[in-house]
Amino acid sequence: MAFKALKALAASSVFAACLATGAAEAADELTLQLKWVTQGQFAGYYVAKDKGFYEEEDLDVTIKPGGPDIAPPQVIAGGGADVIIDWMPSALASREKGVPLVNIAQPFKKSGMMLTCRKDTGITSPDDFKGKTLGVWFFGNEYPFLSWMSQLGLPTEGGADGVTVLKQGFNVDPLLQKQADCVSTMTYNEYWQVIDAGLPAEELIVFKYEDQGVATLEDGLYVLESTLDDAAMVDKYTRFVRASMKGWAYAAENPEEAAEIVLENDATGAQTEKHQVRMVGEINKLVDGSDGKLDMAAYERTVKSLLSGGSDPVITKEPEGAITTVVTDGL
């Protein structure tokens, strides 16, 4: 009986040791909150997961899709993510309001934001916006627009001397139904929805934020400031960014495969292959071979734009501690 007990104890000890070894070798978990639904905008992250780039960096990454009622800063503030994707205007505004977000990497070099207008409204330049109705996204996406209108000297409360802001849903119906003279669009998404709905490019006029000098940085990677005091977390973030940028590089070389990977991860089944392939192609133009490092000139331009809001700026003072190179320095 004693021998059996000893044998059982030995077996259980071996099992426990195996469990301990397995736990020691378990990949580090990390949760990424996307800014929007599963689509080609986030192809690099889905590719990195699908191709095992995260696994190679000893990471177990969970990618959480966003949506119209999901604000990434609120998600991370509530402990629902380790890293979020957000536009810098939203992130800096959130920081000023008490959510200590820090930009650790900037995969997108350029802005894809545009205002798309019908030519039959008579709009030929921003000078013609006065008295018009413009569709604008909210949930933090309104900040670049408000900065632009402020710089143009156009009030956003309506009237003959200002513009009427239509709170735009995440579609282009207001333009199609002539409820708005212009709507917000991205180069990689909503603009093509307008085209696919039957409004040809020659009947549209497009104002790119980049061309208007009010472009602000989009789709950066943000974490909570307190986590950067932990060397282990900084190491985890560095491995995450390195693998993610490898995913973006692969997506640039293999856009159609990247689109297929995105589609495989779309639980809603709402996306189409044609749209996603096109989106990945347009997104690759914005990433533009990025190594993930933040361009300080683009950062300063963004801050300047957000501060120049007249009586109602997006941020009221120069941010402090809102960016760091501690992660990308280790790439």
C-alpha atoms as a PDB file:
ATOM      1  CA  MET A   1       0.000   0.000   0.000  1.00  0.00           C
ATOM      2  CA  ALA A   2       2.845   2.350   0.947  1.00  0.00           C
ATOM      3  CA  PHE A   3       4.578   1.574  -2.376  1.00  0.00           C
ATOM      4  CA  LYS A   4       1.408   2.458  -4.308  1.00  0.00           C
ATOM      5  CA  ALA A   5       1.072   5.686  -2.360  1.00  0.00           C
ATOM      6  CA  LEU A   6       4.687   6.594  -3.080  1.00  0.00           C
ATOM      7  CA  LYS A   7       4.213   5.743  -6.760  1.00  0.00           C
ATOM      8  CA  ALA A   8       1.087   7.869  -6.949  1.00  0.00           C
ATOM      9  CA  LEU A   9       2.880  10.722  -5.179  1.00  0.00           C
ATOM     10  CA  ALA A  10       5.796  10.485  -7.606  1.00  0.00           C
ATOM     11  CA  ALA A  11       3.448  10.491 -10.581  1.00  0.00           C
ATOM     12  CA  SER A  12       1.577  13.509  -9.274  1.00  0.00           C
ATOM     13  CA  SER A  13       4.886  15.303  -8.693  1.00  0.00           C
ATOM     14  CA  VAL A  14       5.934  14.666 -12.282  1.00  0.00           C
ATOM     15  CA  PHE A  15       2.541  15.920 -13.503  1.00  0.00           C
ATOM     16  CA  ALA A  16       2.838  19.036 -11.370  1.00  0.00           C
ATOM     17  CA  ALA A  17       6.342  19.644 -12.703  1.00  0.00           C
ATOM     18  CA  CYS A  18       5.051  19.314 -16.264  1.00  0.00           C
ATOM     19  CA  LEU A  19       2.300  21.816 -15.501  1.00  0.00           C
ATOM     20  CA  ALA A  20       4.819  24.229 -14.016  1.00  0.00           C
ATOM     21  CA  THR A  21       7.070  23.883 -17.061  1.00  0.00           C
ATOM     22  CA  GLY A  22       4.125  24.458 -19.375  1.00  0.00           C
ATOM     23  CA  ALA A  23       3.100  27.534 -17.405  1.00  0.00           C
ATOM     24  CA  ALA A  24       6.649  28.867 -17.569  1.00  0.00           C
ATOM     25  CA  GLU A  25       6.660  28.428 -21.346  1.00  0.00           C
ATOM     26  CA  ALA A  26       3.188  29.887 -21.911  1.00  0.00           C
ATOM     27  CA  ALA A  27       3.180  32.837 -24.289  1.00  0.00           C
ATOM     28  CA  ASP A  28       2.590  36.294 -22.856  1.00  0.00           C
ATOM     29  CA  GLU A  29      -1.020  37.354 -23.311  1.00  0.00           C
ATOM     30  CA  LEU A  30      -1.834  40.732 -24.852  1.00  0.00           C
ATOM     31  CA  THR A  31      -5.202  42.185 -25.875  1.00  0.00           C
ATOM     32  CA  LEU A  32      -5.478  44.680 -28.728  1.00  0.00           C
ATOM     33  CA  GLN A  33      -8.627  46.802 -29.085  1.00  0.00           C
ATOM     34  CA  LEU A  34      -9.304  47.917 -32.652  1.00  0.00           C
ATOM     35  CA  LYS A  35     -10.774  51.319 -33.472  1.00  0.00           C
ATOM     36  CA  TRP A  36     -13.392  49.837 -35.776  1.00  0.00           C
ATOM     37  CA  VAL A  37     -14.831  46.550 -37.030  1.00  0.00           C
ATOM     38  CA  THR A  38     -12.736  43.768 -38.551  1.00  0.00           C
ATOM     39  CA  GLN A  39     -11.588  45.084 -41.936  1.00  0.00           C
ATOM     40  CA  GLY A  40      -8.522  45.741 -44.077  1.00  0.00           C
ATOM     41  CA  GLN A  41      -7.717  48.838 -42.011  1.00  0.00           C
ATOM     42  CA  PHE A  42      -6.221  46.413 -39.468  1.00  0.00           C
ATOM     43  CA  ALA A  43      -4.777  43.863 -41.877  1.00  0.00           C
ATOM     44  CA  GLY A  44      -1.263  43.984 -40.409  1.00  0.00           C
ATOM     45  CA  TYR A  45      -2.446  42.740 -37.020  1.00  0.00           C
ATOM     46  CA  TYR A  46      -4.558  39.923 -38.393  1.00  0.00           C
ATOM     47  CA  VAL A  47      -1.714  38.884 -40.698  1.00  0.00           C
ATOM     48  CA  ALA A  48       0.762  38.904 -37.789  1.00  0.00           C
ATOM     49  CA  LYS A  49      -1.550  36.604 -35.836  1.00  0.00           C
ATOM     50  CA  ASP A  50      -2.359  34.318 -38.770  1.00  0.00           C
ATOM     51  CA  LYS A  51       1.253  33.965 -39.935  1.00  0.00           C
ATOM     52  CA  GLY A  52       2.556  33.221 -36.459  1.00  0.00           C
ATOM     53  CA  PHE A  53       4.565  36.431 -36.134  1.00  0.00           C
ATOM     54  CA  TYR A  54       3.154  37.044 -32.653  1.00  0.00           C
ATOM     55  CA  GLU A  55       3.811  33.438 -31.715  1.00  0.00           C
ATOM     56  CA  GLU A  56       7.429  33.848 -32.832  1.00  0.00           C
ATOM     57  CA  GLU A  57       7.687  36.715 -30.345  1.00  0.00           C
ATOM     58  CA  ASP A  58       6.228  34.509 -27.590  1.00  0.00           C
ATOM     59  CA  LEU A  59       2.933  36.396 -27.606  1.00  0.00           C
ATOM     60  CA  ASP A  60      -0.665  35.212 -27.411  1.00  0.00           C
ATOM     61  CA  VAL A  61      -2.549  38.169 -28.910  1.00  0.00           C
ATOM     62  CA  THR A  62      -6.316  38.622 -28.703  1.00  0.00           C
ATOM     63  CA  ILE A  63      -7.722  41.090 -31.247  1.00  0.00           C
ATOM     64  CA  LYS A  64     -11.006  42.716 -30.204  1.00  0.00           C
ATOM     65  CA  PRO A  65     -13.049  44.356 -32.988  1.00  0.00           C
ATOM     66  CA  GLY A  66     -14.489  47.798 -32.397  1.00  0.00           C
ATOM     67  CA  GLY A  67     -17.762  49.310 -33.543  1.00  0.00           C
ATOM     68  CA  PRO A  68     -19.926  52.441 -33.515  1.00  0.00           C
ATOM     69  CA  ASP A  69     -20.509  52.256 -29.758  1.00  0.00           C
ATOM     70  CA  ILE A  70     -16.980  51.272 -28.727  1.00  0.00           C
ATOM     71  CA  ALA A  71     -14.537  54.007 -27.698  1.00  0.00           C
ATOM     72  CA  PRO A  72     -11.047  52.483 -27.365  1.00  0.00           C
ATOM     73  CA  PRO A  73      -9.883  54.969 -24.681  1.00  0.00           C
ATOM     74  CA  GLN A  74     -12.804  53.902 -22.483  1.00  0.00           C
ATOM     75  CA  VAL A  75     -12.007  50.229 -23.101  1.00  0.00           C
ATOM     76  CA  ILE A  76      -8.379  50.527 -21.994  1.00  0.00           C
ATOM     77  CA  ALA A  77      -9.276  52.784 -19.073  1.00  0.00           C
ATOM     78  CA  GLY A  78     -11.647  50.057 -17.896  1.00  0.00           C
ATOM     79  CA  GLY A  79      -9.020  47.334 -18.156  1.00  0.00           C
ATOM     80  CA  GLY A  80     -10.468  45.750 -21.288  1.00  0.00           C
ATOM     81  CA  ALA A  81      -7.278  45.969 -23.381  1.00  0.00           C
ATOM     82  CA  ASP A  82      -3.503  46.335 -23.090  1.00  0.00           C
ATOM     83  CA  VAL A  83      -3.068  48.260 -26.343  1.00  0.00           C
ATOM     84  CA  ILE A  84      -5.583  50.264 -28.353  1.00  0.00           C
ATOM     85  CA  ILE A  85      -5.628  51.667 -31.859  1.00  0.00           C
ATOM     86  CA  ASP A  86      -6.793  55.271 -31.931  1.00  0.00           C
ATOM     87  CA  TRP A  87      -6.429  58.484 -33.869  1.00  0.00           C
ATOM     88  CA  MET A  88      -4.080  60.952 -32.213  1.00  0.00           C
ATOM     89  CA  PRO A  89      -6.696  63.749 -31.865  1.00  0.00           C
ATOM     90  CA  SER A  90      -8.911  61.388 -29.868  1.00  0.00           C
ATOM     91  CA  ALA A  91      -5.984  60.060 -27.842  1.00  0.00           C
ATOM     92  CA  LEU A  92      -4.632  63.512 -26.946  1.00  0.00           C
ATOM     93  CA  ALA A  93      -8.108  64.797 -26.080  1.00  0.00           C
ATOM     94  CA  SER A  94      -8.660  61.725 -23.897  1.00  0.00           C
ATOM     95  CA  ARG A  95      -5.316  62.300 -22.188  1.00  0.00           C
ATOM     96  CA  GLU A  96      -6.231  65.893 -21.389  1.00  0.00           C
ATOM     97  CA  LYS A  97      -9.527  64.655 -19.944  1.00  0.00           C
ATOM     98  CA  GLY A  98      -7.799  62.220 -17.601  1.00  0.00           C
ATOM     99  CA  VAL A  99      -7.121  58.984 -19.509  1.00  0.00           C
ATOM    100  CA  PRO A 100      -3.274  58.836 -19.523  1.00  0.00           C
ATOM    101  CA  LEU A 101      -2.735  57.424 -23.015  1.00  0.00           C
ATOM    102  CA  VAL A 102       0.747  57.287 -24.508  1.00  0.00           C
ATOM    103  CA  ASN A 103       1.621  56.662 -28.158  1.00  0.00           C
ATOM    104  CA  ILE A 104       4.157  53.806 -28.313  1.00  0.00           C
ATOM    105  CA  ALA A 105       4.215  53.355 -32.107  1.00  0.00           C
ATOM    106  CA  GLN A 106       2.765  54.917 -35.259  1.00  0.00           C
ATOM    107  CA  PRO A 107       2.264  52.407 -38.101  1.00  0.00           C
ATOM    108  CA  PHE A 108       0.262  54.881 -40.244  1.00  0.00           C
ATOM    109  CA  LYS A 109       2.402  57.627 -41.782  1.00  0.00           C
ATOM    110  CA  LYS A 110      -0.421  59.452 -43.563  1.00  0.00           C
ATOM    111  CA  SER A 111      -4.053  60.402 -42.990  1.00  0.00           C
ATOM    112  CA  GLY A 112      -6.767  58.810 -45.092  1.00  0.00           C
ATOM    113  CA  MET A 113      -9.464  61.261 -44.023  1.00  0.00           C
ATOM    114  CA  MET A 114     -11.419  63.257 -46.610  1.00  0.00           C
ATOM    115  CA  LEU A 115     -14.553  65.307 -47.033  1.00  0.00           C
ATOM    116  CA  THR A 116     -16.398  64.090 -50.126  1.00  0.00           C
ATOM    117  CA  CYS A 117     -18.931  66.461 -51.699  1.00  0.00           C
ATOM    118  CA  ARG A 118     -21.388  66.341 -54.570  1.00  0.00           C
ATOM    119  CA  LYS A 119     -20.386  68.707 -57.375  1.00  0.00           C
ATOM    120  CA  ASP A 120     -24.021  69.655 -57.938  1.00  0.00           C
ATOM    121  CA  THR A 121     -23.958  71.502 -54.600  1.00  0.00           C
ATOM    122  CA  GLY A 122     -21.738  74.130 -56.222  1.00  0.00           C
ATOM    123  CA  ILE A 123     -18.824  73.433 -53.876  1.00  0.00           C
ATOM    124  CA  THR A 124     -15.490  73.897 -55.625  1.00  0.00           C
ATOM    125  CA  SER A 125     -13.250  74.802 -52.662  1.00  0.00           C
ATOM    126  CA  PRO A 126     -13.449  75.084 -48.857  1.00  0.00           C
ATOM    127  CA  ASP A 127     -14.533  78.706 -49.400  1.00  0.00           C
ATOM    128  CA  ASP A 128     -17.872  77.296 -50.551  1.00  0.00           C
ATOM    129  CA  PHE A 129     -18.588  75.389 -47.313  1.00  0.00           C
ATOM    130  CA  LYS A 130     -20.375  78.397 -45.801  1.00  0.00           C
ATOM    131  CA  GLY A 131     -24.083  77.701 -45.398  1.00  0.00           C
ATOM    132  CA  LYS A 132     -23.659  74.032 -46.293  1.00  0.00           C
ATOM    133  CA  THR A 133     -24.448  70.842 -44.360  1.00  0.00           C
ATOM    134  CA  LEU A 134     -21.457  68.633 -43.696  1.00  0.00           C
ATOM    135  CA  GLY A 135     -21.572  65.059 -42.394  1.00  0.00           C
ATOM    136  CA  VAL A 136     -19.171  64.415 -39.532  1.00  0.00           C
ATOM    137  CA  TRP A 137     -18.300  61.328 -37.505  1.00  0.00           C
ATOM    138  CA  PHE A 138     -18.162  61.652 -33.740  1.00  0.00           C
ATOM    139  CA  PHE A 139     -16.712  59.401 -30.977  1.00  0.00           C
ATOM    140  CA  GLY A 140     -13.408  61.287 -31.254  1.00  0.00           C
ATOM    141  CA  ASN A 141     -13.357  61.395 -35.050  1.00  0.00           C
ATOM    142  CA  GLU A 142     -14.800  64.917 -35.100  1.00  0.00           C
ATOM    143  CA  TYR A 143     -11.668  66.584 -33.749  1.00  0.00           C
ATOM    144  CA  PRO A 144      -9.733  67.000 -37.025  1.00  0.00           C
ATOM    145  CA  PHE A 145     -12.885  68.402 -38.663  1.00  0.00           C
ATOM    146  CA  LEU A 146     -13.518  70.903 -35.868  1.00  0.00           C
ATOM    147  CA  SER A 147      -9.893  72.008 -36.046  1.00  0.00           C
ATOM    148  CA  TRP A 148     -10.215  72.532 -39.805  1.00  0.00           C
ATOM    149  CA  MET A 149     -13.437  74.553 -39.516  1.00  0.00           C
ATOM    150  CA  SER A 150     -11.860  76.705 -36.808  1.00  0.00           C
ATOM    151  CA  GLN A 151      -8.898  77.447 -39.048  1.00  0.00           C
ATOM    152  CA  LEU A 152     -11.317  78.386 -41.846  1.00  0.00           C
ATOM    153  CA  GLY A 153     -13.163  80.671 -39.419  1.00  0.00           C
ATOM    154  CA  LEU A 154     -16.432  78.794 -39.920  1.00  0.00           C
ATOM    155  CA  PRO A 155     -18.755  78.347 -36.928  1.00  0.00           C
ATOM    156  CA  THR A 156     -20.239  74.846 -36.672  1.00  0.00           C
ATOM    157  CA  GLU A 157     -23.623  75.844 -35.233  1.00  0.00           C
ATOM    158  CA  GLY A 158     -25.280  76.414 -38.597  1.00  0.00           C
ATOM    159  CA  GLY A 159     -26.518  79.638 -40.135  1.00  0.00           C
ATOM    160  CA  ALA A 160     -25.603  81.472 -43.308  1.00  0.00           C
ATOM    161  CA  ASP A 161     -22.095  82.293 -42.083  1.00  0.00           C
ATOM    162  CA  GLY A 162     -21.242  78.858 -40.748  1.00  0.00           C
ATOM    163  CA  VAL A 163     -21.742  75.197 -41.467  1.00  0.00           C
ATOM    164  CA  THR A 164     -24.416  72.832 -40.240  1.00  0.00           C
ATOM    165  CA  VAL A 165     -22.907  69.665 -38.800  1.00  0.00           C
ATOM    166  CA  LEU A 166     -24.849  66.483 -39.448  1.00  0.00           C
ATOM    167  CA  LYS A 167     -23.880  63.758 -37.011  1.00  0.00           C
ATOM    168  CA  GLN A 168     -23.016  61.119 -39.567  1.00  0.00           C
ATOM    169  CA  GLY A 169     -23.541  57.434 -39.005  1.00  0.00           C
ATOM    170  CA  PHE A 170     -20.892  55.082 -40.297  1.00  0.00           C
ATOM    171  CA  ASN A 171     -22.273  55.069 -43.824  1.00  0.00           C
ATOM    172  CA  VAL A 172     -22.621  57.522 -46.704  1.00  0.00           C
ATOM    173  CA  ASP A 173     -26.421  57.662 -46.911  1.00  0.00           C
ATOM    174  CA  PRO A 174     -26.648  61.420 -46.174  1.00  0.00           C
ATOM    175  CA  LEU A 175     -24.714  62.171 -49.367  1.00  0.00           C
ATOM    176  CA  LEU A 176     -26.622  59.666 -51.470  1.00  0.00           C
ATOM    177  CA  GLN A 177     -29.972  60.970 -50.195  1.00  0.00           C
ATOM    178  CA  LYS A 178     -28.895  64.620 -50.438  1.00  0.00           C
ATOM    179  CA  GLN A 179     -29.331  65.191 -46.697  1.00  0.00           C
ATOM    180  CA  ALA A 180     -25.786  66.562 -46.634  1.00  0.00           C
ATOM    181  CA  ASP A 181     -23.711  68.428 -49.192  1.00  0.00           C
ATOM    182  CA  CYS A 182     -20.544  66.617 -48.072  1.00  0.00           C
ATOM    183  CA  VAL A 183     -19.785  63.622 -45.873  1.00  0.00           C
ATOM    184  CA  SER A 184     -16.738  62.295 -44.083  1.00  0.00           C
ATOM    185  CA  THR A 185     -15.014  59.486 -45.956  1.00  0.00           C
ATOM    186  CA  MET A 186     -11.757  57.563 -45.737  1.00  0.00           C
ATOM    187  CA  THR A 187      -9.622  56.918 -48.809  1.00  0.00           C
ATOM    188  CA  TYR A 188      -9.859  53.200 -48.101  1.00  0.00           C
ATOM    189  CA  ASN A 189     -13.508  52.766 -47.190  1.00  0.00           C
ATOM    190  CA  GLU A 190     -16.451  55.169 -47.415  1.00  0.00           C
ATOM    191  CA  TYR A 191     -15.279  56.920 -50.586  1.00  0.00           C
ATOM    192  CA  TRP A 192     -15.591  53.601 -52.400  1.00  0.00           C
ATOM    193  CA  GLN A 193     -19.008  53.044 -50.856  1.00  0.00           C
ATOM    194  CA  VAL A 194     -20.118  56.257 -52.604  1.00  0.00           C
ATOM    195  CA  ILE A 195     -18.666  55.034 -55.899  1.00  0.00           C
ATOM    196  CA  ASP A 196     -20.196  51.575 -55.523  1.00  0.00           C
ATOM    197  CA  ALA A 197     -23.581  53.154 -54.750  1.00  0.00           C
ATOM    198  CA  GLY A 198     -23.610  54.695 -58.227  1.00  0.00           C
ATOM    199  CA  LEU A 199     -22.197  58.201 -57.773  1.00  0.00           C
ATOM    200  CA  PRO A 200     -19.257  58.350 -60.213  1.00  0.00           C
ATOM    201  CA  ALA A 201     -16.015  60.114 -59.339  1.00  0.00           C
ATOM    202  CA  GLU A 202     -16.656  62.840 -61.927  1.00  0.00           C
ATOM    203  CA  GLU A 203     -19.746  63.936 -59.970  1.00  0.00           C
ATOM    204  CA  LEU A 204     -17.749  64.286 -56.760  1.00  0.00           C
ATOM    205  CA  ILE A 205     -15.184  66.692 -55.388  1.00  0.00           C
ATOM    206  CA  VAL A 206     -12.867  65.462 -52.658  1.00  0.00           C
ATOM    207  CA  PHE A 207     -10.917  67.436 -50.050  1.00  0.00           C
ATOM    208  CA  LYS A 208      -8.143  65.425 -48.434  1.00  0.00           C
ATOM    209  CA  TYR A 209      -7.145  66.561 -44.966  1.00  0.00           C
ATOM    210  CA  GLU A 210      -3.509  65.978 -45.990  1.00  0.00           C
ATOM    211  CA  ASP A 211      -3.886  68.494 -48.850  1.00  0.00           C
ATOM    212  CA  GLN A 212      -5.635  71.052 -46.630  1.00  0.00           C
ATOM    213  CA  GLY A 213      -2.780  71.124 -44.128  1.00  0.00           C
ATOM    214  CA  VAL A 214      -4.957  69.838 -41.301  1.00  0.00           C
ATOM    215  CA  ALA A 215      -4.044  66.161 -41.460  1.00  0.00           C
ATOM    216  CA  THR A 216      -3.614  64.527 -38.082  1.00  0.00           C
ATOM    217  CA  LEU A 217      -2.087  61.157 -37.276  1.00  0.00           C
ATOM    218  CA  GLU A 218      -4.384  58.140 -37.388  1.00  0.00           C
ATOM    219  CA  ASP A 219      -4.281  54.533 -36.188  1.00  0.00           C
ATOM    220  CA  GLY A 220      -1.462  54.821 -33.675  1.00  0.00           C
ATOM    221  CA  LEU A 221      -0.826  52.279 -30.910  1.00  0.00           C
ATOM    222  CA  TYR A 222      -1.543  53.548 -27.389  1.00  0.00           C
ATOM    223  CA  VAL A 223      -1.107  52.171 -23.874  1.00  0.00           C
ATOM    224  CA  LEU A 224      -1.699  53.479 -20.369  1.00  0.00           C
ATOM    225  CA  GLU A 225       1.212  55.523 -19.074  1.00  0.00           C
ATOM    226  CA  SER A 226       1.534  53.593 -15.796  1.00  0.00           C
ATOM    227  CA  THR A 227       2.327  50.341 -17.639  1.00  0.00           C
ATOM    228  CA  LEU A 228       5.492  51.865 -19.105  1.00  0.00           C
ATOM    229  CA  ASP A 229       7.074  51.788 -15.641  1.00  0.00           C
ATOM    230  CA  ASP A 230       7.134  47.979 -15.907  1.00  0.00           C
ATOM    231  CA  ALA A 231      10.158  46.745 -17.873  1.00  0.00           C
ATOM    232  CA  ALA A 232       8.408  43.453 -18.612  1.00  0.00           C
ATOM    233  CA  MET A 233       5.459  45.292 -20.164  1.00  0.00           C
ATOM    234  CA  VAL A 234       7.751  47.486 -22.251  1.00  0.00           C
ATOM    235  CA  ASP A 235       9.446  44.315 -23.507  1.00  0.00           C
ATOM    236  CA  LYS A 236       6.041  42.823 -24.326  1.00  0.00           C
ATOM    237  CA  TYR A 237       4.991  45.969 -26.200  1.00  0.00           C
ATOM    238  CA  THR A 238       8.270  45.953 -28.153  1.00  0.00           C
ATOM    239  CA  ARG A 239       7.742  42.356 -29.249  1.00  0.00           C
ATOM    240  CA  PHE A 240       4.137  43.183 -30.168  1.00  0.00           C
ATOM    241  CA  VAL A 241       5.097  46.184 -32.300  1.00  0.00           C
ATOM    242  CA  ARG A 242       7.925  44.286 -33.996  1.00  0.00           C
ATOM    243  CA  ALA A 243       5.599  41.424 -34.965  1.00  0.00           C
ATOM    244  CA  SER A 244       2.835  43.835 -36.019  1.00  0.00           C
ATOM    245  CA  MET A 245       5.140  45.752 -38.348  1.00  0.00           C
ATOM    246  CA  LYS A 246       6.232  42.420 -39.815  1.00  0.00           C
ATOM    247  CA  GLY A 247       2.538  41.782 -40.432  1.00  0.00           C
ATOM    248  CA  TRP A 248       2.165  45.137 -42.181  1.00  0.00           C
ATOM    249  CA  ALA A 249       5.195  44.436 -44.361  1.00  0.00           C
ATOM    250  CA  TYR A 250       3.702  41.078 -45.351  1.00  0.00           C
ATOM    251  CA  ALA A 251       0.342  42.739 -46.131  1.00  0.00           C
ATOM    252  CA  ALA A 252       2.111  45.221 -48.416  1.00  0.00           C
ATOM    253  CA  GLU A 253       3.747  42.382 -50.344  1.00  0.00           C
ATOM    254  CA  ASN A 254       0.634  40.161 -50.374  1.00  0.00           C
ATOM    255  CA  PRO A 255      -2.458  42.409 -50.327  1.00  0.00           C
ATOM    256  CA  GLU A 256      -4.888  39.821 -51.662  1.00  0.00           C
ATOM    257  CA  GLU A 257      -3.798  37.183 -49.153  1.00  0.00           C
ATOM    258  CA  ALA A 258      -3.973  39.796 -46.388  1.00  0.00           C
ATOM    259  CA  ALA A 259      -7.544  40.614 -47.424  1.00  0.00           C
ATOM    260  CA  GLU A 260      -8.434  36.910 -47.295  1.00  0.00           C
ATOM    261  CA  ILE A 261      -7.024  36.670 -43.769  1.00  0.00           C
ATOM    262  CA  VAL A 262      -9.161  39.653 -42.742  1.00  0.00           C
ATOM    263  CA  LEU A 263     -12.248  38.021 -44.243  1.00  0.00           C
ATOM    264  CA  GLU A 264     -11.530  34.794 -42.358  1.00  0.00           C
ATOM    265  CA  ASN A 265     -11.584  36.804 -39.120  1.00  0.00           C
ATOM    266  CA  ASP A 266     -14.792  38.704 -39.912  1.00  0.00           C
ATOM    267  CA  ALA A 267     -17.343  36.977 -37.700  1.00  0.00           C
ATOM    268  CA  THR A 268     -20.164  39.158 -39.080  1.00  0.00           C
ATOM    269  CA  GLY A 269     -19.745  38.019 -42.679  1.00  0.00           C
ATOM    270  CA  ALA A 270     -20.555  41.582 -43.704  1.00  0.00           C
ATOM    271  CA  GLN A 271     -17.365  42.286 -45.651  1.00  0.00           C
ATOM    272  CA  THR A 272     -16.846  41.457 -49.323  1.00  0.00           C
ATOM    273  CA  GLU A 273     -13.656  40.268 -50.984  1.00  0.00           C
ATOM    274  CA  LYS A 274     -13.688  43.069 -53.577  1.00  0.00           C
ATOM    275  CA  HIS A 275     -13.984  45.783 -50.925  1.00  0.00           C
ATOM    276  CA  GLN A 276     -11.380  44.274 -48.609  1.00  0.00           C
ATOM    277  CA  VAL A 277      -8.776  43.756 -51.343  1.00  0.00           C
ATOM    278  CA  ARG A 278      -9.248  47.376 -52.391  1.00  0.00           C
ATOM    279  CA  MET A 279      -9.105  48.535 -48.772  1.00  0.00           C
ATOM    280  CA  VAL A 280      -5.847  46.725 -48.035  1.00  0.00           C
ATOM    281  CA  GLY A 281      -4.346  48.312 -51.147  1.00  0.00           C
ATOM    282  CA  GLU A 282      -5.356  51.810 -50.005  1.00  0.00           C
ATOM    283  CA  ILE A 283      -4.258  51.163 -46.414  1.00  0.00           C
ATOM    284  CA  ASN A 284      -0.812  50.081 -47.630  1.00  0.00           C
ATOM    285  CA  LYS A 285      -0.421  53.592 -49.104  1.00  0.00           C
ATOM    286  CA  LEU A 286      -0.973  55.091 -45.653  1.00  0.00           C
ATOM    287  CA  VAL A 287       1.404  52.704 -43.869  1.00  0.00           C
ATOM    288  CA  ASP A 288       3.872  53.331 -46.702  1.00  0.00           C
ATOM    289  CA  GLY A 289       6.668  51.061 -45.498  1.00  0.00           C
ATOM    290  CA  SER A 290       6.529  52.390 -41.921  1.00  0.00           C
ATOM    291  CA  ASP A 291       8.866  50.913 -39.312  1.00  0.00           C
ATOM    292  CA  GLY A 292       6.422  51.889 -36.570  1.00  0.00           C
ATOM    293  CA  LYS A 293       8.446  54.855 -35.357  1.00  0.00           C
ATOM    294  CA  LEU A 294       6.640  58.148 -34.811  1.00  0.00           C
ATOM    295  CA  ASP A 295       7.663  60.994 -37.140  1.00  0.00           C
ATOM    296  CA  MET A 296       8.136  63.962 -34.813  1.00  0.00           C
ATOM    297  CA  ALA A 297       7.324  66.486 -37.545  1.00  0.00           C
ATOM    298  CA  ALA A 298       3.958  64.773 -38.116  1.00  0.00           C
ATOM    299  CA  TYR A 299       3.367  64.707 -34.357  1.00  0.00           C
ATOM    300  CA  GLU A 300       4.105  68.417 -34.012  1.00  0.00           C
ATOM    301  CA  ARG A 301       1.860  69.215 -36.979  1.00  0.00           C
ATOM    302  CA  THR A 302      -0.951  67.243 -35.353  1.00  0.00           C
ATOM    303  CA  VAL A 303      -0.547  69.048 -32.032  1.00  0.00           C
ATOM    304  CA  LYS A 304      -0.397  72.450 -33.735  1.00  0.00           C
ATOM    305  CA  SER A 305      -3.581  71.664 -35.651  1.00  0.00           C
ATOM    306  CA  LEU A 306      -5.405  70.576 -32.511  1.00  0.00           C
ATOM    307  CA  LEU A 307      -4.290  73.637 -30.541  1.00  0.00           C
ATOM    308  CA  SER A 308      -5.428  76.045 -33.267  1.00  0.00           C
ATOM    309  CA  GLY A 309      -9.102  75.746 -32.499  1.00  0.00           C
ATOM    310  CA  GLY A 310      -9.745  79.388 -31.629  1.00  0.00           C
ATOM    311  CA  SER A 311     -12.117  79.641 -28.676  1.00  0.00           C
ATOM    312  CA  ASP A 312     -12.784  75.890 -28.774  1.00  0.00           C
ATOM    313  CA  PRO A 313      -9.519  74.013 -29.438  1.00  0.00           C
ATOM    314  CA  VAL A 314      -9.405  70.224 -29.328  1.00  0.00           C
ATOM    315  CA  ILE A 315      -6.658  70.397 -26.697  1.00  0.00           C
ATOM    316  CA  THR A 316      -5.913  73.451 -24.595  1.00  0.00           C
ATOM    317  CA  LYS A 317      -2.194  73.042 -23.928  1.00  0.00           C
ATOM    318  CA  GLU A 318       0.913  71.380 -25.327  1.00  0.00           C
ATOM    319  CA  PRO A 319       0.786  67.687 -24.302  1.00  0.00           C
ATOM    320  CA  GLU A 320       3.434  66.368 -21.937  1.00  0.00           C
ATOM    321  CA  GLY A 321       4.383  62.703 -21.831  1.00  0.00           C
ATOM    322  CA  ALA A 322       1.914  61.772 -24.568  1.00  0.00           C
ATOM    323  CA  ILE A 323       4.498  59.952 -26.686  1.00  0.00           C
ATOM    324  CA  THR A 324       7.452  57.700 -26.012  1.00  0.00           C
ATOM    325  CA  THR A 325      10.188  56.030 -28.049  1.00  0.00           C
ATOM    326  CA  VAL A 326      11.037  53.496 -25.348  1.00  0.00           C
ATOM    327  CA  VAL A 327       9.214  50.754 -27.272  1.00  0.00           C
ATOM    328  CA  THR A 328      10.363  51.527 -30.820  1.00  0.00           C
ATOM    329  CA  ASP A 329      13.943  52.114 -29.633  1.00  0.00           C
ATOM    330  CA  GLY A 330      14.045  48.379 -28.956  1.00  0.00           C
ATOM    331  CA  LEU A 331      12.925  47.298 -32.427  1.00  0.00           C
END
